[in-house]
């Protein structure tokens, strides 16, 4: 393979991307889809006591314990969850 063969085939191998293609695109972090609410968040690792995690899991119900921890932290700094 030489430089000329790459140039000859590379422009025809990929179809043009349209706005419709972009609108159907899915944003992912790793293999998980990113929701609009997650775009403004930063992924971190934090160590918490087992008792703290169990408390929030028990109290969270359907919303999920991480969302409840987030809500409590926002309340603690004086910024209510929108």
PDB file of N, CA and C in Angstrom:
ATOM      1  N   UNK A   1       0.849  -1.175   0.000  1.00  0.00           N
ATOM      2  CA  UNK A   1       0.000   0.000   0.000  1.00  0.00           C
ATOM      3  C   UNK A   1       0.893   1.236   0.000  1.00  0.00           C
ATOM      4  N   UNK A   2       0.573   2.195  -0.851  1.00  0.00           N
ATOM      5  CA  UNK A   2       1.354   3.415  -0.889  1.00  0.00           C
ATOM      6  C   UNK A   2       0.469   4.613  -0.539  1.00  0.00           C
ATOM      7  N   UNK A   3       1.047   5.792  -0.437  1.00  0.00           N
ATOM      8  CA  UNK A   3       0.319   6.998  -0.042  1.00  0.00           C
ATOM      9  C   UNK A   3      -0.808   7.329  -1.014  1.00  0.00           C
ATOM     10  N   UNK A   4      -0.625   7.038  -2.288  1.00  0.00           N
ATOM     11  CA  UNK A   4      -1.658   7.359  -3.278  1.00  0.00           C
ATOM     12  C   UNK A   4      -2.905   6.487  -3.097  1.00  0.00           C
ATOM     13  N   UNK A   5      -2.748   5.232  -2.738  1.00  0.00           N
ATOM     14  CA  UNK A   5      -3.910   4.355  -2.582  1.00  0.00           C
ATOM     15  C   UNK A   5      -4.744   4.752  -1.366  1.00  0.00           C
ATOM     16  N   UNK A   6      -4.109   5.253  -0.321  1.00  0.00           N
ATOM     17  CA  UNK A   6      -4.857   5.703   0.856  1.00  0.00           C
ATOM     18  C   UNK A   6      -5.701   6.920   0.489  1.00  0.00           C
ATOM     19  N   UNK A   7      -5.131   7.861  -0.201  1.00  0.00           N
ATOM     20  CA  UNK A   7      -5.864   9.067  -0.577  1.00  0.00           C
ATOM     21  C   UNK A   7      -7.005   8.763  -1.537  1.00  0.00           C
ATOM     22  N   UNK A   8      -6.804   7.823  -2.421  1.00  0.00           N
ATOM     23  CA  UNK A   8      -7.837   7.501  -3.405  1.00  0.00           C
ATOM     24  C   UNK A   8      -9.067   6.869  -2.767  1.00  0.00           C
ATOM     25  N   UNK A   9      -8.901   6.061  -1.723  1.00  0.00           N
ATOM     26  CA  UNK A   9     -10.037   5.346  -1.135  1.00  0.00           C
ATOM     27  C   UNK A   9     -10.611   6.014   0.104  1.00  0.00           C
ATOM     28  N   UNK A  10      -9.834   6.828   0.804  1.00  0.00           N
ATOM     29  CA  UNK A  10     -10.286   7.342   2.096  1.00  0.00           C
ATOM     30  C   UNK A  10     -11.466   8.309   1.982  1.00  0.00           C
ATOM     31  N   UNK A  11     -11.568   9.079   0.926  1.00  0.00           N
ATOM     32  CA  UNK A  11     -12.669  10.041   0.828  1.00  0.00           C
ATOM     33  C   UNK A  11     -13.984   9.383   0.442  1.00  0.00           C
ATOM     34  N   UNK A  12     -13.959   8.242  -0.207  1.00  0.00           N
ATOM     35  CA  UNK A  12     -15.180   7.576  -0.636  1.00  0.00           C
ATOM     36  C   UNK A  12     -15.683   6.530   0.358  1.00  0.00           C
ATOM     37  N   UNK A  13     -14.873   6.163   1.328  1.00  0.00           N
ATOM     38  CA  UNK A  13     -15.241   5.104   2.256  1.00  0.00           C
ATOM     39  C   UNK A  13     -16.275   5.530   3.290  1.00  0.00           C
ATOM     40  N   UNK A  14     -16.383   6.804   3.582  1.00  0.00           N
ATOM     41  CA  UNK A  14     -17.267   7.285   4.642  1.00  0.00           C
ATOM     42  C   UNK A  14     -18.343   8.198   4.061  1.00  0.00           C
ATOM     43  N   UNK A  15     -19.608   7.911   4.342  1.00  0.00           N
ATOM     44  CA  UNK A  15     -20.681   8.772   3.829  1.00  0.00           C
ATOM     45  C   UNK A  15     -20.674  10.121   4.546  1.00  0.00           C
ATOM     46  N   UNK A  16     -21.268  11.113   3.944  1.00  0.00           N
ATOM     47  CA  UNK A  16     -21.374  12.438   4.533  1.00  0.00           C
ATOM     48  C   UNK A  16     -22.274  12.366   5.772  1.00  0.00           C
ATOM     49  N   UNK A  17     -21.887  13.048   6.832  1.00  0.00           N
ATOM     50  CA  UNK A  17     -22.691  13.089   8.059  1.00  0.00           C
ATOM     51  C   UNK A  17     -23.677  14.241   7.945  1.00  0.00           C
ATOM     52  N   UNK A  18     -24.939  13.943   8.164  1.00  0.00           N
ATOM     53  CA  UNK A  18     -25.986  14.958   8.061  1.00  0.00           C
ATOM     54  C   UNK A  18     -26.410  15.409   9.460  1.00  0.00           C
ATOM     55  N   UNK A  19     -27.185  16.489   9.521  1.00  0.00           N
ATOM     56  CA  UNK A  19     -27.710  16.975  10.799  1.00  0.00           C
ATOM     57  C   UNK A  19     -28.606  15.917  11.443  1.00  0.00           C
ATOM     58  N   UNK A  20     -29.331  15.175  10.632  1.00  0.00           N
ATOM     59  CA  UNK A  20     -30.187  14.104  11.148  1.00  0.00           C
ATOM     60  C   UNK A  20     -29.340  13.041  11.853  1.00  0.00           C
ATOM     61  N   UNK A  21     -28.181  12.725  11.302  1.00  0.00           N
ATOM     62  CA  UNK A  21     -27.266  11.773  11.947  1.00  0.00           C
ATOM     63  C   UNK A  21     -26.816  12.296  13.308  1.00  0.00           C
ATOM     64  N   UNK A  22     -26.475  13.561  13.370  1.00  0.00           N
ATOM     65  CA  UNK A  22     -26.026  14.179  14.625  1.00  0.00           C
ATOM     66  C   UNK A  22     -27.151  14.181  15.646  1.00  0.00           C
ATOM     67  N   UNK A  23     -28.376  14.477  15.214  1.00  0.00           N
ATOM     68  CA  UNK A  23     -29.520  14.501  16.128  1.00  0.00           C
ATOM     69  C   UNK A  23     -29.801  13.131  16.728  1.00  0.00           C
ATOM     70  N   UNK A  24     -29.485  12.067  16.017  1.00  0.00           N
ATOM     71  CA  UNK A  24     -29.716  10.702  16.507  1.00  0.00           C
ATOM     72  C   UNK A  24     -28.556  10.177  17.337  1.00  0.00           C
ATOM     73  N   UNK A  25     -27.466  10.912  17.404  1.00  0.00           N
ATOM     74  CA  UNK A  25     -26.277  10.454  18.128  1.00  0.00           C
ATOM     75  C   UNK A  25     -26.570  10.332  19.620  1.00  0.00           C
ATOM     76  N   UNK A  26     -25.909   9.390  20.267  1.00  0.00           N
ATOM     77  CA  UNK A  26     -26.050   9.164  21.695  1.00  0.00           C
ATOM     78  C   UNK A  26     -24.712   9.482  22.351  1.00  0.00           C
ATOM     79  N   UNK A  27     -24.738  10.374  23.338  1.00  0.00           N
ATOM     80  CA  UNK A  27     -23.526  10.717  24.067  1.00  0.00           C
ATOM     81  C   UNK A  27     -23.327   9.662  25.147  1.00  0.00           C
ATOM     82  N   UNK A  28     -22.119   9.146  25.243  1.00  0.00           N
ATOM     83  CA  UNK A  28     -21.828   8.095  26.224  1.00  0.00           C
ATOM     84  C   UNK A  28     -20.565   8.419  27.000  1.00  0.00           C
ATOM     85  N   UNK A  29     -20.526   7.940  28.223  1.00  0.00           N
ATOM     86  CA  UNK A  29     -19.311   7.954  29.032  1.00  0.00           C
ATOM     87  C   UNK A  29     -19.031   6.492  29.329  1.00  0.00           C
ATOM     88  N   UNK A  30     -17.982   5.953  28.792  1.00  0.00           N
ATOM     89  CA  UNK A  30     -17.763   4.515  28.873  1.00  0.00           C
ATOM     90  C   UNK A  30     -18.822   3.845  28.018  1.00  0.00           C
ATOM     91  N   UNK A  31     -19.558   2.907  28.577  1.00  0.00           N
ATOM     92  CA  UNK A  31     -20.626   2.246  27.838  1.00  0.00           C
ATOM     93  C   UNK A  31     -22.004   2.733  28.253  1.00  0.00           C
ATOM     94  N   UNK A  32     -22.064   3.700  29.179  1.00  0.00           N
ATOM     95  CA  UNK A  32     -23.346   4.182  29.677  1.00  0.00           C
ATOM     96  C   UNK A  32     -23.758   5.455  28.949  1.00  0.00           C
ATOM     97  N   UNK A  33     -25.067   5.572  28.657  1.00  0.00           N
ATOM     98  CA  UNK A  33     -25.589   6.793  28.053  1.00  0.00           C
ATOM     99  C   UNK A  33     -25.502   7.938  29.054  1.00  0.00           C
ATOM    100  N   UNK A  34     -25.253   9.127  28.547  1.00  0.00           N
ATOM    101  CA  UNK A  34     -25.199  10.327  29.370  1.00  0.00           C
ATOM    102  C   UNK A  34     -26.516  11.074  29.201  1.00  0.00           C
ATOM    103  N   UNK A  35     -27.213  11.304  30.298  1.00  0.00           N
ATOM    104  CA  UNK A  35     -28.457  12.062  30.244  1.00  0.00           C
ATOM    105  C   UNK A  35     -28.121  13.552  30.280  1.00  0.00           C
ATOM    106  N   UNK A  36     -29.045  14.407  29.865  1.00  0.00           N
ATOM    107  CA  UNK A  36     -28.766  15.850  29.923  1.00  0.00           C
ATOM    108  C   UNK A  36     -28.386  16.329  31.325  1.00  0.00           C
ATOM    109  N   UNK A  37     -28.946  15.713  32.371  1.00  0.00           N
ATOM    110  CA  UNK A  37     -28.626  16.114  33.732  1.00  0.00           C
ATOM    111  C   UNK A  37     -27.189  15.753  34.096  1.00  0.00           C
ATOM    112  N   UNK A  38     -26.624  14.732  33.479  1.00  0.00           N
ATOM    113  CA  UNK A  38     -25.278  14.281  33.810  1.00  0.00           C
ATOM    114  C   UNK A  38     -24.190  15.091  33.111  1.00  0.00           C
ATOM    115  N   UNK A  39     -24.540  15.832  32.093  1.00  0.00           N
ATOM    116  CA  UNK A  39     -23.515  16.541  31.325  1.00  0.00           C
ATOM    117  C   UNK A  39     -22.782  17.581  32.161  1.00  0.00           C
ATOM    118  N   UNK A  40     -23.457  18.157  33.155  1.00  0.00           N
ATOM    119  CA  UNK A  40     -22.840  19.189  33.976  1.00  0.00           C
ATOM    120  C   UNK A  40     -22.290  18.630  35.281  1.00  0.00           C
ATOM    121  N   UNK A  41     -22.118  17.328  35.367  1.00  0.00           N
ATOM    122  CA  UNK A  41     -21.622  16.707  36.585  1.00  0.00           C
ATOM    123  C   UNK A  41     -20.253  16.090  36.324  1.00  0.00           C
ATOM    124  N   UNK A  42     -19.519  15.907  37.409  1.00  0.00           N
ATOM    125  CA  UNK A  42     -18.181  15.327  37.318  1.00  0.00           C
ATOM    126  C   UNK A  42     -18.176  14.008  38.073  1.00  0.00           C
ATOM    127  N   UNK A  43     -17.636  12.993  37.453  1.00  0.00           N
ATOM    128  CA  UNK A  43     -17.522  11.688  38.072  1.00  0.00           C
ATOM    129  C   UNK A  43     -16.350  11.692  39.053  1.00  0.00           C
ATOM    130  N   UNK A  44     -16.620  11.285  40.306  1.00  0.00           N
ATOM    131  CA  UNK A  44     -15.575  11.239  41.329  1.00  0.00           C
ATOM    132  C   UNK A  44     -15.642   9.898  42.055  1.00  0.00           C
ATOM    133  N   UNK A  45     -14.631   9.642  42.843  1.00  0.00           N
ATOM    134  CA  UNK A  45     -14.636   8.508  43.756  1.00  0.00           C
ATOM    135  C   UNK A  45     -14.552   9.073  45.162  1.00  0.00           C
ATOM    136  N   UNK A  46     -15.430   8.607  46.041  1.00  0.00           N
ATOM    137  CA  UNK A  46     -15.444   9.091  47.418  1.00  0.00           C
ATOM    138  C   UNK A  46     -15.646   7.891  48.340  1.00  0.00           C
ATOM    139  N   UNK A  47     -14.946   7.884  49.445  1.00  0.00           N
ATOM    140  CA  UNK A  47     -15.088   6.814  50.418  1.00  0.00           C
ATOM    141  C   UNK A  47     -16.002   7.293  51.541  1.00  0.00           C
ATOM    142  N   UNK A  48     -17.068   6.553  51.771  1.00  0.00           N
ATOM    143  CA  UNK A  48     -18.012   6.865  52.841  1.00  0.00           C
ATOM    144  C   UNK A  48     -18.167   5.641  53.729  1.00  0.00           C
ATOM    145  N   UNK A  49     -18.514   5.872  54.982  1.00  0.00           N
ATOM    146  CA  UNK A  49     -18.761   4.759  55.894  1.00  0.00           C
ATOM    147  C   UNK A  49     -19.906   3.898  55.373  1.00  0.00           C
ATOM    148  N   UNK A  50     -19.815   2.613  55.632  1.00  0.00           N
ATOM    149  CA  UNK A  50     -20.854   1.674  55.217  1.00  0.00           C
ATOM    150  C   UNK A  50     -22.209   2.101  55.788  1.00  0.00           C
ATOM    151  N   UNK A  51     -22.210   2.552  57.041  1.00  0.00           N
ATOM    152  CA  UNK A  51     -23.456   2.970  57.683  1.00  0.00           C
ATOM    153  C   UNK A  51     -24.099   4.148  56.946  1.00  0.00           C
ATOM    154  N   UNK A  52     -23.272   5.062  56.442  1.00  0.00           N
ATOM    155  CA  UNK A  52     -23.790   6.218  55.697  1.00  0.00           C
ATOM    156  C   UNK A  52     -24.450   5.753  54.404  1.00  0.00           C
ATOM    157  N   UNK A  53     -23.786   4.889  53.680  1.00  0.00           N
ATOM    158  CA  UNK A  53     -24.334   4.368  52.427  1.00  0.00           C
ATOM    159  C   UNK A  53     -25.628   3.609  52.688  1.00  0.00           C
ATOM    160  N   UNK A  54     -25.640   2.763  53.696  1.00  0.00           N
ATOM    161  CA  UNK A  54     -26.844   1.994  54.018  1.00  0.00           C
ATOM    162  C   UNK A  54     -27.995   2.911  54.397  1.00  0.00           C
ATOM    163  N   UNK A  55     -27.704   3.974  55.136  1.00  0.00           N
ATOM    164  CA  UNK A  55     -28.745   4.942  55.516  1.00  0.00           C
ATOM    165  C   UNK A  55     -29.373   5.568  54.275  1.00  0.00           C
ATOM    166  N   UNK A  56     -28.536   6.039  53.355  1.00  0.00           N
ATOM    167  CA  UNK A  56     -29.058   6.693  52.156  1.00  0.00           C
ATOM    168  C   UNK A  56     -29.771   5.705  51.236  1.00  0.00           C
ATOM    169  N   UNK A  57     -29.290   4.486  51.171  1.00  0.00           N
ATOM    170  CA  UNK A  57     -29.997   3.472  50.381  1.00  0.00           C
ATOM    171  C   UNK A  57     -31.376   3.203  50.964  1.00  0.00           C
ATOM    172  N   UNK A  58     -31.461   3.129  52.293  1.00  0.00           N
ATOM    173  CA  UNK A  58     -32.738   2.887  52.965  1.00  0.00           C
ATOM    174  C   UNK A  58     -33.704   4.051  52.748  1.00  0.00           C
ATOM    175  N   UNK A  59     -33.198   5.284  52.880  1.00  0.00           N
ATOM    176  CA  UNK A  59     -34.039   6.475  52.784  1.00  0.00           C
ATOM    177  C   UNK A  59     -34.413   6.852  51.348  1.00  0.00           C
ATOM    178  N   UNK A  60     -33.635   6.426  50.376  1.00  0.00           N
ATOM    179  CA  UNK A  60     -33.791   6.946  49.012  1.00  0.00           C
ATOM    180  C   UNK A  60     -35.035   6.458  48.291  1.00  0.00           C
ATOM    181  N   UNK A  61     -35.443   5.241  48.522  1.00  0.00           N
ATOM    182  CA  UNK A  61     -36.591   4.720  47.792  1.00  0.00           C
ATOM    183  C   UNK A  61     -36.309   4.665  46.308  1.00  0.00           C
ATOM    184  N   UNK A  62     -37.217   5.196  45.484  1.00  0.00           N
ATOM    185  CA  UNK A  62     -37.097   5.108  44.024  1.00  0.00           C
ATOM    186  C   UNK A  62     -36.066   6.062  43.432  1.00  0.00           C
ATOM    187  N   UNK A  63     -35.747   7.152  44.102  1.00  0.00           N
ATOM    188  CA  UNK A  63     -34.868   8.158  43.484  1.00  0.00           C
ATOM    189  C   UNK A  63     -33.416   7.706  43.419  1.00  0.00           C
ATOM    190  N   UNK A  64     -33.018   6.740  44.216  1.00  0.00           N
ATOM    191  CA  UNK A  64     -31.636   6.280  44.198  1.00  0.00           C
ATOM    192  C   UNK A  64     -30.806   6.985  45.262  1.00  0.00           C
ATOM    193  N   UNK A  65     -29.940   6.236  45.892  1.00  0.00           N
ATOM    194  CA  UNK A  65     -29.202   6.796  47.022  1.00  0.00           C
ATOM    195  C   UNK A  65     -28.197   7.863  46.603  1.00  0.00           C
ATOM    196  N   UNK A  66     -27.603   7.752  45.415  1.00  0.00           N
ATOM    197  CA  UNK A  66     -26.647   8.772  44.982  1.00  0.00           C
ATOM    198  C   UNK A  66     -27.344  10.106  44.741  1.00  0.00           C
ATOM    199  N   UNK A  67     -28.546  10.058  44.182  1.00  0.00           N
ATOM    200  CA  UNK A  67     -29.318  11.290  43.972  1.00  0.00           C
ATOM    201  C   UNK A  67     -29.675  11.929  45.306  1.00  0.00           C
ATOM    202  N   UNK A  68     -30.002  11.105  46.301  1.00  0.00           N
ATOM    203  CA  UNK A  68     -30.333  11.634  47.624  1.00  0.00           C
ATOM    204  C   UNK A  68     -29.105  12.252  48.285  1.00  0.00           C
ATOM    205  N   UNK A  69     -27.957  11.609  48.180  1.00  0.00           N
ATOM    206  CA  UNK A  69     -26.722  12.187  48.722  1.00  0.00           C
ATOM    207  C   UNK A  69     -26.445  13.524  48.049  1.00  0.00           C
ATOM    208  N   UNK A  70     -26.620  13.584  46.730  1.00  0.00           N
ATOM    209  CA  UNK A  70     -26.417  14.834  45.979  1.00  0.00           C
ATOM    210  C   UNK A  70     -27.350  15.932  46.500  1.00  0.00           C
ATOM    211  N   UNK A  71     -28.621  15.585  46.700  1.00  0.00           N
ATOM    212  CA  UNK A  71     -29.604  16.555  47.194  1.00  0.00           C
ATOM    213  C   UNK A  71     -29.223  17.072  48.584  1.00  0.00           C
ATOM    214  N   UNK A  72     -28.804  16.169  49.468  1.00  0.00           N
ATOM    215  CA  UNK A  72     -28.409  16.564  50.825  1.00  0.00           C
ATOM    216  C   UNK A  72     -27.177  17.470  50.781  1.00  0.00           C
ATOM    217  N   UNK A  73     -26.208  17.147  49.959  1.00  0.00           N
ATOM    218  CA  UNK A  73     -25.010  17.982  49.847  1.00  0.00           C
ATOM    219  C   UNK A  73     -25.334  19.365  49.290  1.00  0.00           C
ATOM    220  N   UNK A  74     -26.203  19.422  48.283  1.00  0.00           N
ATOM    221  CA  UNK A  74     -26.600  20.735  47.737  1.00  0.00           C
ATOM    222  C   UNK A  74     -27.321  21.555  48.793  1.00  0.00           C
ATOM    223  N   UNK A  75     -28.169  20.914  49.578  1.00  0.00           N
ATOM    224  CA  UNK A  75     -28.876  21.604  50.653  1.00  0.00           C
ATOM    225  C   UNK A  75     -27.873  22.124  51.698  1.00  0.00           C
ATOM    226  N   UNK A  76     -26.853  21.311  52.000  1.00  0.00           N
ATOM    227  CA  UNK A  76     -25.861  21.686  52.994  1.00  0.00           C
ATOM    228  C   UNK A  76     -25.072  22.931  52.595  1.00  0.00           C
ATOM    229  N   UNK A  77     -24.867  23.135  51.299  1.00  0.00           N
ATOM    230  CA  UNK A  77     -24.124  24.324  50.862  1.00  0.00           C
ATOM    231  C   UNK A  77     -25.058  25.477  50.511  1.00  0.00           C
ATOM    232  N   UNK A  78     -26.367  25.273  50.769  1.00  0.00           N
ATOM    233  CA  UNK A  78     -27.316  26.358  50.573  1.00  0.00           C
ATOM    234  C   UNK A  78     -27.832  26.517  49.167  1.00  0.00           C
ATOM    235  N   UNK A  79     -27.709  25.486  48.354  1.00  0.00           N
ATOM    236  CA  UNK A  79     -28.208  25.547  46.971  1.00  0.00           C
ATOM    237  C   UNK A  79     -29.184  24.404  46.767  1.00  0.00           C
ATOM    238  N   UNK A  80     -30.439  24.729  46.795  1.00  0.00           N
ATOM    239  CA  UNK A  80     -31.472  23.709  46.635  1.00  0.00           C
ATOM    240  C   UNK A  80     -31.391  23.075  45.257  1.00  0.00           C
ATOM    241  N   UNK A  81     -31.798  21.817  45.158  1.00  0.00           N
ATOM    242  CA  UNK A  81     -31.824  21.103  43.888  1.00  0.00           C
ATOM    243  C   UNK A  81     -32.918  21.707  43.032  1.00  0.00           C
ATOM    244  N   UNK A  82     -32.598  21.921  41.759  1.00  0.00           N
ATOM    245  CA  UNK A  82     -33.572  22.533  40.837  1.00  0.00           C
ATOM    246  C   UNK A  82     -34.673  21.581  40.479  1.00  0.00           C
TER     247      UNK A  82
END
